[in-house]
Amino acid sequence: MAALTDWELWAVAAKVMEAEGDDVGEFLVERVQALTEAGDDEGLMTWLAIAERVQQLLLGRPSDPKELN
């Protein structure tokens, strides 16, 4: 499977937040645990990247340091 683009990762993060609402953190923890247990390193890295973007969205932080200027 091809890696997701940055745009796709942001889109998935936004969609997961919309779908899971206040339970988004729990959903992400469960997803990461399941992938870890399954030994799916590629899937794990993808979901960790999605989780990072969810965190940035929740904290209202820009993803690009250039946006700080």
Protein backbone atom coordinates (compact mmCIF):
# COMPACT_ATOMS: atom_id res chain seq x y z
CA MET A 1 0.00 0.00 0.00
CA ALA A 2 1.28 3.45 -0.87
CA ALA A 3 1.90 5.91 1.93
CA LEU A 4 -0.68 8.62 2.41
CA THR A 5 0.16 12.15 1.36
CA ASP A 6 0.32 14.91 3.95
CA TRP A 7 -2.99 16.23 2.63
CA GLU A 8 -4.59 12.79 3.03
CA LEU A 9 -3.28 12.48 6.60
CA TRP A 10 -4.85 15.84 7.49
CA ALA A 11 -8.12 14.82 5.82
CA VAL A 12 -8.26 11.56 7.76
CA ALA A 13 -7.44 13.38 11.01
CA ALA A 14 -10.30 15.82 10.45
CA LYS A 15 -12.70 13.04 9.51
CA VAL A 16 -11.76 10.92 12.55
CA MET A 17 -12.32 13.94 14.82
CA GLU A 18 -15.72 14.52 13.24
CA ALA A 19 -16.73 10.88 13.50
CA GLU A 20 -15.42 10.17 17.01
CA GLY A 21 -16.03 13.52 18.70
CA ASP A 22 -14.99 13.53 22.35
CA ASP A 23 -13.91 9.88 22.06
CA VAL A 24 -11.23 10.59 19.43
CA GLY A 25 -8.36 10.03 21.88
CA GLU A 26 -9.68 6.67 22.99
CA PHE A 27 -10.28 5.66 19.36
CA LEU A 28 -6.71 6.52 18.41
CA VAL A 29 -5.22 4.67 21.38
CA GLU A 30 -7.22 1.56 20.49
CA ARG A 31 -6.18 1.81 16.83
CA VAL A 32 -2.49 2.18 17.71
CA GLN A 33 -2.63 -0.70 20.21
CA ALA A 34 -4.29 -3.00 17.69
CA LEU A 35 -1.73 -2.21 15.00
CA THR A 36 1.12 -2.68 17.47
CA GLU A 37 -0.22 -6.07 18.53
CA ALA A 38 -0.70 -7.06 14.89
CA GLY A 39 2.88 -6.09 14.06
CA ASP A 40 1.68 -3.77 11.30
CA ASP A 41 4.51 -1.25 11.31
CA GLU A 42 3.34 0.63 8.21
CA GLY A 43 -0.18 0.96 9.54
CA LEU A 44 1.17 1.98 12.94
CA MET A 45 3.30 4.75 11.46
CA THR A 46 0.33 6.01 9.45
CA TRP A 47 -1.96 6.16 12.48
CA LEU A 48 0.70 7.80 14.62
CA ALA A 49 0.98 10.50 11.94
CA ILE A 50 -2.81 10.88 11.97
CA ALA A 51 -2.82 11.07 15.78
CA GLU A 52 -0.17 13.80 15.65
CA ARG A 53 -2.36 15.83 13.31
CA VAL A 54 -5.42 15.28 15.50
CA GLN A 55 -3.43 16.61 18.45
CA GLN A 56 -2.38 19.67 16.47
CA LEU A 57 -5.98 20.31 15.45
CA LEU A 58 -7.19 19.94 19.03
CA LEU A 59 -4.53 22.33 20.30
CA GLY A 60 -5.11 24.78 17.47
CA ARG A 61 -1.44 24.75 16.53
CA PRO A 62 -0.23 25.26 12.99
CA SER A 63 1.29 22.25 11.29
CA ASP A 64 3.86 24.32 9.45
CA PRO A 65 6.33 26.46 11.44
CA LYS A 66 6.17 29.01 8.59
CA GLU A 67 2.56 29.69 9.62
CA LEU A 68 3.86 31.23 12.86
CA ASN A 69 5.23 34.26 10.99
